[in-house]
Structure formats: structure tokens, C-alpha cells
All heavy atoms as atom14 arrays in JSON, in Angstrom:
{
  "sequence": "TGNSEYFSDTTITESGIVWGKNIKRIIIPSNNFTPETD",
  "atom14_mask": [
    [1, 1, 1, 1, 1, 1, 1, 0, 0, 0, 0, 0, 0, 0],
    [1, 1, 1, 1, 0, 0, 0, 0, 0, 0, 0, 0, 0, 0],
    [1, 1, 1, 1, 1, 1, 1, 1, 0, 0, 0, 0, 0, 0],
    [1, 1, 1, 1, 1, 1, 0, 0, 0, 0, 0, 0, 0, 0],
    [1, 1, 1, 1, 1, 1, 1, 1, 1, 0, 0, 0, 0, 0],
    [1, 1, 1, 1, 1, 1, 1, 1, 1, 1, 1, 1, 0, 0],
    [1, 1, 1, 1, 1, 1, 1, 1, 1, 1, 1, 0, 0, 0],
    [1, 1, 1, 1, 1, 1, 0, 0, 0, 0, 0, 0, 0, 0],
    [1, 1, 1, 1, 1, 1, 1, 1, 0, 0, 0, 0, 0, 0],
    [1, 1, 1, 1, 1, 1, 1, 0, 0, 0, 0, 0, 0, 0],
    [1, 1, 1, 1, 1, 1, 1, 0, 0, 0, 0, 0, 0, 0],
    [1, 1, 1, 1, 1, 1, 1, 1, 0, 0, 0, 0, 0, 0],
    [1, 1, 1, 1, 1, 1, 1, 0, 0, 0, 0, 0, 0, 0],
    [1, 1, 1, 1, 1, 1, 1, 1, 1, 0, 0, 0, 0, 0],
    [1, 1, 1, 1, 1, 1, 0, 0, 0, 0, 0, 0, 0, 0],
    [1, 1, 1, 1, 0, 0, 0, 0, 0, 0, 0, 0, 0, 0],
    [1, 1, 1, 1, 1, 1, 1, 1, 0, 0, 0, 0, 0, 0],
    [1, 1, 1, 1, 1, 1, 1, 0, 0, 0, 0, 0, 0, 0],
    [1, 1, 1, 1, 1, 1, 1, 1, 1, 1, 1, 1, 1, 1],
    [1, 1, 1, 1, 0, 0, 0, 0, 0, 0, 0, 0, 0, 0],
    [1, 1, 1, 1, 1, 1, 1, 1, 1, 0, 0, 0, 0, 0],
    [1, 1, 1, 1, 1, 1, 1, 1, 0, 0, 0, 0, 0, 0],
    [1, 1, 1, 1, 1, 1, 1, 1, 0, 0, 0, 0, 0, 0],
    [1, 1, 1, 1, 1, 1, 1, 1, 1, 0, 0, 0, 0, 0],
    [1, 1, 1, 1, 1, 1, 1, 1, 1, 1, 1, 0, 0, 0],
    [1, 1, 1, 1, 1, 1, 1, 1, 0, 0, 0, 0, 0, 0],
    [1, 1, 1, 1, 1, 1, 1, 1, 0, 0, 0, 0, 0, 0],
    [1, 1, 1, 1, 1, 1, 1, 1, 0, 0, 0, 0, 0, 0],
    [1, 1, 1, 1, 1, 1, 1, 0, 0, 0, 0, 0, 0, 0],
    [1, 1, 1, 1, 1, 1, 0, 0, 0, 0, 0, 0, 0, 0],
    [1, 1, 1, 1, 1, 1, 1, 1, 0, 0, 0, 0, 0, 0],
    [1, 1, 1, 1, 1, 1, 1, 1, 0, 0, 0, 0, 0, 0],
    [1, 1, 1, 1, 1, 1, 1, 1, 1, 1, 1, 0, 0, 0],
    [1, 1, 1, 1, 1, 1, 1, 0, 0, 0, 0, 0, 0, 0],
    [1, 1, 1, 1, 1, 1, 1, 0, 0, 0, 0, 0, 0, 0],
    [1, 1, 1, 1, 1, 1, 1, 1, 1, 0, 0, 0, 0, 0],
    [1, 1, 1, 1, 1, 1, 1, 0, 0, 0, 0, 0, 0, 0],
    [1, 1, 1, 1, 1, 1, 1, 1, 0, 0, 0, 0, 0, 0]
  ],
  "atom14_positions": [
    [[-40.14, -11.85, 34.94], [-38.95, -12.01, 35.77], [-38.2, -13.3, 35.45], [-36.97, -13.33, 35.43], [-39.32, -11.99, 37.25], [-40.32, -12.99, 37.48], [-39.86, -10.64, 37.65], [0.0, 0.0, 0.0], [0.0, 0.0, 0.0], [0.0, 0.0, 0.0], [0.0, 0.0, 0.0], [0.0, 0.0, 0.0], [0.0, 0.0, 0.0], [0.0, 0.0, 0.0]],
    [[-38.94, -14.38, 35.17], [-38.28, -15.67, 34.96], [-37.92, -15.97, 33.53], [-37.06, -16.85, 33.28], [0.0, 0.0, 0.0], [0.0, 0.0, 0.0], [0.0, 0.0, 0.0], [0.0, 0.0, 0.0], [0.0, 0.0, 0.0], [0.0, 0.0, 0.0], [0.0, 0.0, 0.0], [0.0, 0.0, 0.0], [0.0, 0.0, 0.0], [0.0, 0.0, 0.0]],
    [[-38.55, -15.3, 32.57], [-38.31, -15.54, 31.14], [-38.12, -14.22, 30.41], [-38.76, -13.99, 29.37], [-39.48, -16.33, 30.53], [-39.86, -17.54, 31.32], [-40.84, -17.56, 32.06], [-39.09, -18.63, 31.19], [0.0, 0.0, 0.0], [0.0, 0.0, 0.0], [0.0, 0.0, 0.0], [0.0, 0.0, 0.0], [0.0, 0.0, 0.0], [0.0, 0.0, 0.0]],
    [[-37.26, -13.4, 30.9], [-37.09, -12.04, 30.38], [-36.68, -12.05, 28.9], [-36.89, -11.06, 28.2], [-36.07, -11.28, 31.22], [-34.83, -11.94, 31.22], [0.0, 0.0, 0.0], [0.0, 0.0, 0.0], [0.0, 0.0, 0.0], [0.0, 0.0, 0.0], [0.0, 0.0, 0.0], [0.0, 0.0, 0.0], [0.0, 0.0, 0.0], [0.0, 0.0, 0.0]],
    [[-36.04, -13.14, 28.43], [-35.54, -13.16, 27.05], [-36.69, -13.16, 26.04], [-36.49, -12.85, 24.86], [-34.68, -14.4, 26.83], [-35.39, -15.74, 26.89], [-35.53, -16.32, 28.29], [-35.31, -15.55, 29.28], [-35.84, -17.51, 28.42], [0.0, 0.0, 0.0], [0.0, 0.0, 0.0], [0.0, 0.0, 0.0], [0.0, 0.0, 0.0], [0.0, 0.0, 0.0]],
    [[-37.9, -13.47, 26.45], [-39.05, -13.48, 25.58], [-39.67, -12.11, 25.41], [-40.38, -11.84, 24.44], [-40.13, -14.45, 26.08], [-39.78, -15.89, 25.96], [-39.13, -16.57, 27.0], [-40.1, -16.63, 24.82], [-38.81, -17.92, 26.89], [-39.78, -17.98, 24.71], [-39.14, -18.61, 25.76], [-38.82, -19.94, 25.64], [0.0, 0.0, 0.0], [0.0, 0.0, 0.0]],
    [[-39.47, -11.21, 26.41], [-40.24, -9.98, 26.48], [-39.41, -8.78, 26.05], [-38.21, -8.69, 26.32], [-40.7, -9.76, 27.93], [-41.69, -10.77, 28.41], [-41.24, -11.98, 28.96], [-43.05, -10.56, 28.32], [-42.13, -12.95, 29.42], [-43.94, -11.52, 28.76], [-43.49, -12.72, 29.33], [0.0, 0.0, 0.0], [0.0, 0.0, 0.0], [0.0, 0.0, 0.0]],
    [[-40.07, -7.83, 25.39], [-39.47, -6.57, 25.05], [-40.56, -5.52, 24.95], [-41.74, -5.83, 24.74], [-38.69, -6.64, 23.72], [-39.58, -6.96, 22.66], [0.0, 0.0, 0.0], [0.0, 0.0, 0.0], [0.0, 0.0, 0.0], [0.0, 0.0, 0.0], [0.0, 0.0, 0.0], [0.0, 0.0, 0.0], [0.0, 0.0, 0.0], [0.0, 0.0, 0.0]],
    [[-40.18, -4.24, 25.08], [-41.13, -3.16, 24.95], [-41.46, -2.9, 23.49], [-40.6, -3.05, 22.61], [-40.59, -1.88, 25.59], [-40.44, -2.01, 27.09], [-41.22, -2.74, 27.72], [-39.54, -1.37, 27.66], [0.0, 0.0, 0.0], [0.0, 0.0, 0.0], [0.0, 0.0, 0.0], [0.0, 0.0, 0.0], [0.0, 0.0, 0.0], [0.0, 0.0, 0.0]],
    [[-42.68, -2.49, 23.23], [-43.07, -2.14, 21.87], [-42.79, -0.67, 21.61], [-42.61, 0.13, 22.53], [-44.58, -2.37, 21.64], [-45.31, -1.53, 22.53], [-44.94, -3.83, 21.9], [0.0, 0.0, 0.0], [0.0, 0.0, 0.0], [0.0, 0.0, 0.0], [0.0, 0.0, 0.0], [0.0, 0.0, 0.0], [0.0, 0.0, 0.0], [0.0, 0.0, 0.0]],
    [[-42.73, -0.32, 20.33], [-42.64, 1.07, 19.94], [-44.06, 1.62, 19.85], [-44.87, 1.13, 19.06], [-41.93, 1.22, 18.61], [-40.59, 0.67, 18.7], [-41.84, 2.7, 18.2], [0.0, 0.0, 0.0], [0.0, 0.0, 0.0], [0.0, 0.0, 0.0], [0.0, 0.0, 0.0], [0.0, 0.0, 0.0], [0.0, 0.0, 0.0], [0.0, 0.0, 0.0]],
    [[-44.4, 2.6, 20.68], [-45.74, 3.14, 20.75], [-45.96, 4.17, 19.63], [-45.29, 5.2, 19.59], [-46.03, 3.78, 22.11], [-45.77, 2.78, 23.24], [-47.45, 4.29, 22.16], [-46.62, 1.55, 23.2], [0.0, 0.0, 0.0], [0.0, 0.0, 0.0], [0.0, 0.0, 0.0], [0.0, 0.0, 0.0], [0.0, 0.0, 0.0], [0.0, 0.0, 0.0]],
    [[-46.87, 3.87, 18.71], [-47.19, 4.79, 17.62], [-48.7, 5.08, 17.57], [-49.12, 6.06, 17.0], [-46.75, 4.21, 16.29], [-47.37, 2.95, 16.07], [-45.23, 4.05, 16.24], [0.0, 0.0, 0.0], [0.0, 0.0, 0.0], [0.0, 0.0, 0.0], [0.0, 0.0, 0.0], [0.0, 0.0, 0.0], [0.0, 0.0, 0.0], [0.0, 0.0, 0.0]],
    [[-49.49, 4.24, 18.18], [-50.95, 4.36, 18.11], [-51.45, 5.39, 19.11], [-51.07, 5.38, 20.28], [-51.6, 2.98, 18.38], [-53.08, 2.94, 18.16], [-53.61, 1.53, 18.36], [-52.82, 0.57, 18.32], [-54.85, 1.41, 18.56], [0.0, 0.0, 0.0], [0.0, 0.0, 0.0], [0.0, 0.0, 0.0], [0.0, 0.0, 0.0], [0.0, 0.0, 0.0]],
    [[-52.35, 6.24, 18.69], [-52.91, 7.26, 19.55], [-53.68, 6.63, 20.69], [-54.48, 5.71, 20.48], [-53.83, 8.2, 18.75], [-54.44, 9.13, 19.6], [0.0, 0.0, 0.0], [0.0, 0.0, 0.0], [0.0, 0.0, 0.0], [0.0, 0.0, 0.0], [0.0, 0.0, 0.0], [0.0, 0.0, 0.0], [0.0, 0.0, 0.0], [0.0, 0.0, 0.0]],
    [[-53.45, 7.1, 21.91], [-54.16, 6.6, 23.06], [-53.5, 5.42, 23.74], [-53.87, 5.06, 24.86], [0.0, 0.0, 0.0], [0.0, 0.0, 0.0], [0.0, 0.0, 0.0], [0.0, 0.0, 0.0], [0.0, 0.0, 0.0], [0.0, 0.0, 0.0], [0.0, 0.0, 0.0], [0.0, 0.0, 0.0], [0.0, 0.0, 0.0], [0.0, 0.0, 0.0]],
    [[-52.53, 4.81, 23.11], [-51.8, 3.66, 23.66], [-50.55, 4.16, 24.38], [-49.76, 4.88, 23.81], [-51.41, 2.63, 22.57], [-52.67, 2.07, 21.89], [-50.57, 1.51, 23.16], [-53.59, 1.31, 22.8], [0.0, 0.0, 0.0], [0.0, 0.0, 0.0], [0.0, 0.0, 0.0], [0.0, 0.0, 0.0], [0.0, 0.0, 0.0], [0.0, 0.0, 0.0]],
    [[-50.41, 3.76, 25.64], [-49.25, 4.23, 26.42], [-48.37, 3.09, 26.88], [-47.29, 3.32, 27.43], [-49.7, 5.04, 27.65], [-50.49, 6.27, 27.22], [-50.53, 4.19, 28.61], [0.0, 0.0, 0.0], [0.0, 0.0, 0.0], [0.0, 0.0, 0.0], [0.0, 0.0, 0.0], [0.0, 0.0, 0.0], [0.0, 0.0, 0.0], [0.0, 0.0, 0.0]],
    [[-48.82, 1.84, 26.7], [-48.07, 0.67, 27.19], [-48.14, -0.44, 26.16], [-49.16, -0.62, 25.5], [-48.64, 0.21, 28.51], [-47.96, -0.99, 29.13], [-46.9, -1.0, 29.99], [-48.32, -2.36, 28.94], [-46.58, -2.29, 30.33], [-47.45, -3.17, 29.69], [-49.3, -3.02, 28.16], [-47.5, -4.55, 29.74], [-49.38, -4.4, 28.2], [-48.49, -5.16, 28.98]],
    [[-47.04, -1.15, 26.03], [-47.03, -2.3, 25.13], [-45.91, -3.24, 25.41], [-44.84, -2.84, 25.9], [0.0, 0.0, 0.0], [0.0, 0.0, 0.0], [0.0, 0.0, 0.0], [0.0, 0.0, 0.0], [0.0, 0.0, 0.0], [0.0, 0.0, 0.0], [0.0, 0.0, 0.0], [0.0, 0.0, 0.0], [0.0, 0.0, 0.0], [0.0, 0.0, 0.0]],
    [[-46.12, -4.54, 25.1], [-45.12, -5.55, 25.26], [-45.13, -6.48, 24.06], [-46.19, -6.8, 23.51], [-45.35, -6.38, 26.54], [-45.06, -5.68, 27.84], [-43.56, -5.44, 28.07], [-43.3, -4.78, 29.39], [-41.87, -4.48, 29.59], [0.0, 0.0, 0.0], [0.0, 0.0, 0.0], [0.0, 0.0, 0.0], [0.0, 0.0, 0.0], [0.0, 0.0, 0.0]],
    [[-43.95, -6.95, 23.67], [-43.83, -7.99, 22.67], [-43.34, -9.26, 23.37], [-42.46, -9.2, 24.24], [-42.81, -7.62, 21.59], [-43.33, -6.51, 20.69], [-44.48, -6.46, 20.35], [-42.4, -5.64, 20.29], [0.0, 0.0, 0.0], [0.0, 0.0, 0.0], [0.0, 0.0, 0.0], [0.0, 0.0, 0.0], [0.0, 0.0, 0.0], [0.0, 0.0, 0.0]],
    [[-43.91, -10.39, 23.01], [-43.44, -11.69, 23.48], [-43.11, -12.51, 22.24], [-44.02, -12.81, 21.44], [-44.46, -12.41, 24.36], [-44.9, -11.51, 25.53], [-43.9, -13.68, 24.91], [-46.22, -10.83, 25.33], [0.0, 0.0, 0.0], [0.0, 0.0, 0.0], [0.0, 0.0, 0.0], [0.0, 0.0, 0.0], [0.0, 0.0, 0.0], [0.0, 0.0, 0.0]],
    [[-41.87, -12.82, 22.04], [-41.43, -13.32, 20.73], [-40.96, -14.78, 20.79], [-40.32, -15.21, 21.73], [-40.27, -12.47, 20.22], [-39.82, -12.86, 18.79], [-38.68, -11.96, 18.31], [-38.25, -12.36, 16.9], [-37.13, -11.52, 16.41], [0.0, 0.0, 0.0], [0.0, 0.0, 0.0], [0.0, 0.0, 0.0], [0.0, 0.0, 0.0], [0.0, 0.0, 0.0]],
    [[-41.32, -15.51, 19.77], [-40.86, -16.88, 19.45], [-41.15, -17.9, 20.55], [-40.28, -18.47, 21.16], [-39.38, -16.9, 19.09], [-39.0, -18.17, 18.34], [-37.54, -18.24, 17.9], [-37.29, -19.43, 17.16], [-36.96, -20.62, 17.71], [-36.82, -20.72, 19.0], [-36.78, -21.69, 16.97], [0.0, 0.0, 0.0], [0.0, 0.0, 0.0], [0.0, 0.0, 0.0]],
    [[-42.45, -18.07, 20.79], [-42.89, -19.16, 21.65], [-43.2, -20.37, 20.74], [-44.05, -20.25, 19.85], [-44.13, -18.76, 22.44], [-43.82, -17.59, 23.36], [-44.7, -19.92, 23.23], [-45.02, -17.0, 24.07], [0.0, 0.0, 0.0], [0.0, 0.0, 0.0], [0.0, 0.0, 0.0], [0.0, 0.0, 0.0], [0.0, 0.0, 0.0], [0.0, 0.0, 0.0]],
    [[-42.51, -21.46, 20.94], [-42.71, -22.67, 20.12], [-43.57, -23.64, 20.93], [-43.26, -23.98, 22.07], [-41.38, -23.34, 19.74], [-40.48, -22.33, 19.01], [-41.64, -24.57, 18.85], [-41.02, -21.78, 17.74], [0.0, 0.0, 0.0], [0.0, 0.0, 0.0], [0.0, 0.0, 0.0], [0.0, 0.0, 0.0], [0.0, 0.0, 0.0], [0.0, 0.0, 0.0]],
    [[-44.66, -24.09, 20.33], [-45.61, -24.97, 21.0], [-46.01, -26.1, 20.06], [-45.82, -26.02, 18.85], [-46.87, -24.19, 21.47], [-47.47, -23.44, 20.31], [-46.53, -23.28, 22.63], [-48.74, -22.68, 20.66], [0.0, 0.0, 0.0], [0.0, 0.0, 0.0], [0.0, 0.0, 0.0], [0.0, 0.0, 0.0], [0.0, 0.0, 0.0], [0.0, 0.0, 0.0]],
    [[-46.6, -27.17, 20.59], [-47.12, -28.22, 19.72], [-48.24, -27.7, 18.85], [-49.01, -26.82, 19.27], [-47.64, -29.3, 20.69], [-46.97, -28.99, 21.98], [-46.75, -27.52, 22.01], [0.0, 0.0, 0.0], [0.0, 0.0, 0.0], [0.0, 0.0, 0.0], [0.0, 0.0, 0.0], [0.0, 0.0, 0.0], [0.0, 0.0, 0.0], [0.0, 0.0, 0.0]],
    [[-48.33, -28.19, 17.62], [-49.49, -27.83, 16.79], [-50.74, -28.46, 17.42], [-50.66, -29.4, 18.24], [-49.28, -28.33, 15.36], [-49.05, -29.74, 15.35], [0.0, 0.0, 0.0], [0.0, 0.0, 0.0], [0.0, 0.0, 0.0], [0.0, 0.0, 0.0], [0.0, 0.0, 0.0], [0.0, 0.0, 0.0], [0.0, 0.0, 0.0], [0.0, 0.0, 0.0]],
    [[-51.88, -27.98, 16.98], [-53.14, -28.38, 17.6], [-54.19, -28.63, 16.5], [-54.94, -27.74, 16.14], [-53.6, -27.29, 18.59], [-54.8, -27.74, 19.42], [-55.07, -28.92, 19.58], [-55.55, -26.76, 19.95], [0.0, 0.0, 0.0], [0.0, 0.0, 0.0], [0.0, 0.0, 0.0], [0.0, 0.0, 0.0], [0.0, 0.0, 0.0], [0.0, 0.0, 0.0]],
    [[-54.2, -29.84, 15.98], [-55.12, -30.18, 14.91], [-56.24, -31.08, 15.46], [-56.0, -31.98, 16.28], [-54.41, -30.92, 13.78], [-53.57, -29.99, 12.96], [-54.0, -28.91, 12.58], [-52.33, -30.39, 12.68], [0.0, 0.0, 0.0], [0.0, 0.0, 0.0], [0.0, 0.0, 0.0], [0.0, 0.0, 0.0], [0.0, 0.0, 0.0], [0.0, 0.0, 0.0]],
    [[-57.47, -30.83, 15.01], [-58.59, -31.67, 15.46], [-59.78, -31.41, 14.54], [-59.81, -30.42, 13.77], [-58.97, -31.36, 16.91], [-59.18, -29.92, 17.21], [-60.41, -29.29, 16.95], [-58.16, -29.12, 17.72], [-60.61, -27.96, 17.21], [-58.35, -27.78, 18.01], [-59.58, -27.19, 17.76], [0.0, 0.0, 0.0], [0.0, 0.0, 0.0], [0.0, 0.0, 0.0]],
    [[-60.76, -32.28, 14.61], [-62.03, -32.11, 13.89], [-63.17, -32.32, 14.85], [-63.07, -33.19, 15.75], [-62.14, -33.11, 12.72], [-61.95, -34.44, 13.21], [-61.12, -32.81, 11.63], [0.0, 0.0, 0.0], [0.0, 0.0, 0.0], [0.0, 0.0, 0.0], [0.0, 0.0, 0.0], [0.0, 0.0, 0.0], [0.0, 0.0, 0.0], [0.0, 0.0, 0.0]],
    [[-64.26, -31.59, 14.72], [-64.4, -30.47, 13.81], [-63.57, -29.26, 14.28], [-63.34, -29.1, 15.48], [-65.9, -30.17, 13.86], [-66.3, -30.6, 15.22], [-65.49, -31.82, 15.54], [0.0, 0.0, 0.0], [0.0, 0.0, 0.0], [0.0, 0.0, 0.0], [0.0, 0.0, 0.0], [0.0, 0.0, 0.0], [0.0, 0.0, 0.0], [0.0, 0.0, 0.0]],
    [[-63.17, -28.46, 13.35], [-62.29, -27.32, 13.66], [-63.02, -26.27, 14.49], [-62.35, -25.39, 15.07], [-61.78, -26.68, 12.37], [-60.84, -27.59, 11.57], [-60.22, -26.89, 10.41], [-60.31, -25.63, 10.34], [-59.66, -27.57, 9.53], [0.0, 0.0, 0.0], [0.0, 0.0, 0.0], [0.0, 0.0, 0.0], [0.0, 0.0, 0.0], [0.0, 0.0, 0.0]],
    [[-64.32, -26.34, 14.6], [-65.09, -25.35, 15.34], [-65.28, -25.76, 16.81], [-66.0, -25.08, 17.56], [-66.46, -25.16, 14.7], [-67.11, -26.46, 14.57], [-66.34, -24.54, 13.35], [0.0, 0.0, 0.0], [0.0, 0.0, 0.0], [0.0, 0.0, 0.0], [0.0, 0.0, 0.0], [0.0, 0.0, 0.0], [0.0, 0.0, 0.0], [0.0, 0.0, 0.0]],
    [[-64.62, -26.85, 17.22], [-64.75, -27.32, 18.61], [-63.97, -26.42, 19.55], [-62.76, -26.56, 19.71], [-64.26, -28.76, 18.72], [-64.56, -29.38, 20.09], [-64.91, -28.64, 21.01], [-64.42, -30.62, 20.22], [0.0, 0.0, 0.0], [0.0, 0.0, 0.0], [0.0, 0.0, 0.0], [0.0, 0.0, 0.0], [0.0, 0.0, 0.0], [0.0, 0.0, 0.0]]
  ]
}
């Protein structure tokens, strides 16, 4: 409701799937650290 510009319906092609959403272009800070398995 508040960020509708990010959301859109997907095109359903997969068997058994009846619902889908796309959320596009979320820009966030990168997240680098060591060890990478933390």
C-alpha cells in the first residue's frame, strides 16, 4: 500500500503456482565482512 511502485504481478507459467509478486530495484548498502561465513 505504501510503496506500490516497487510491486507488480508476475506472469504465472509454472505448474501449481497460482500467485506471484515481483519487487523491483531495491537499492541498499553493500555488506562486506570477514569471515564471509559469519
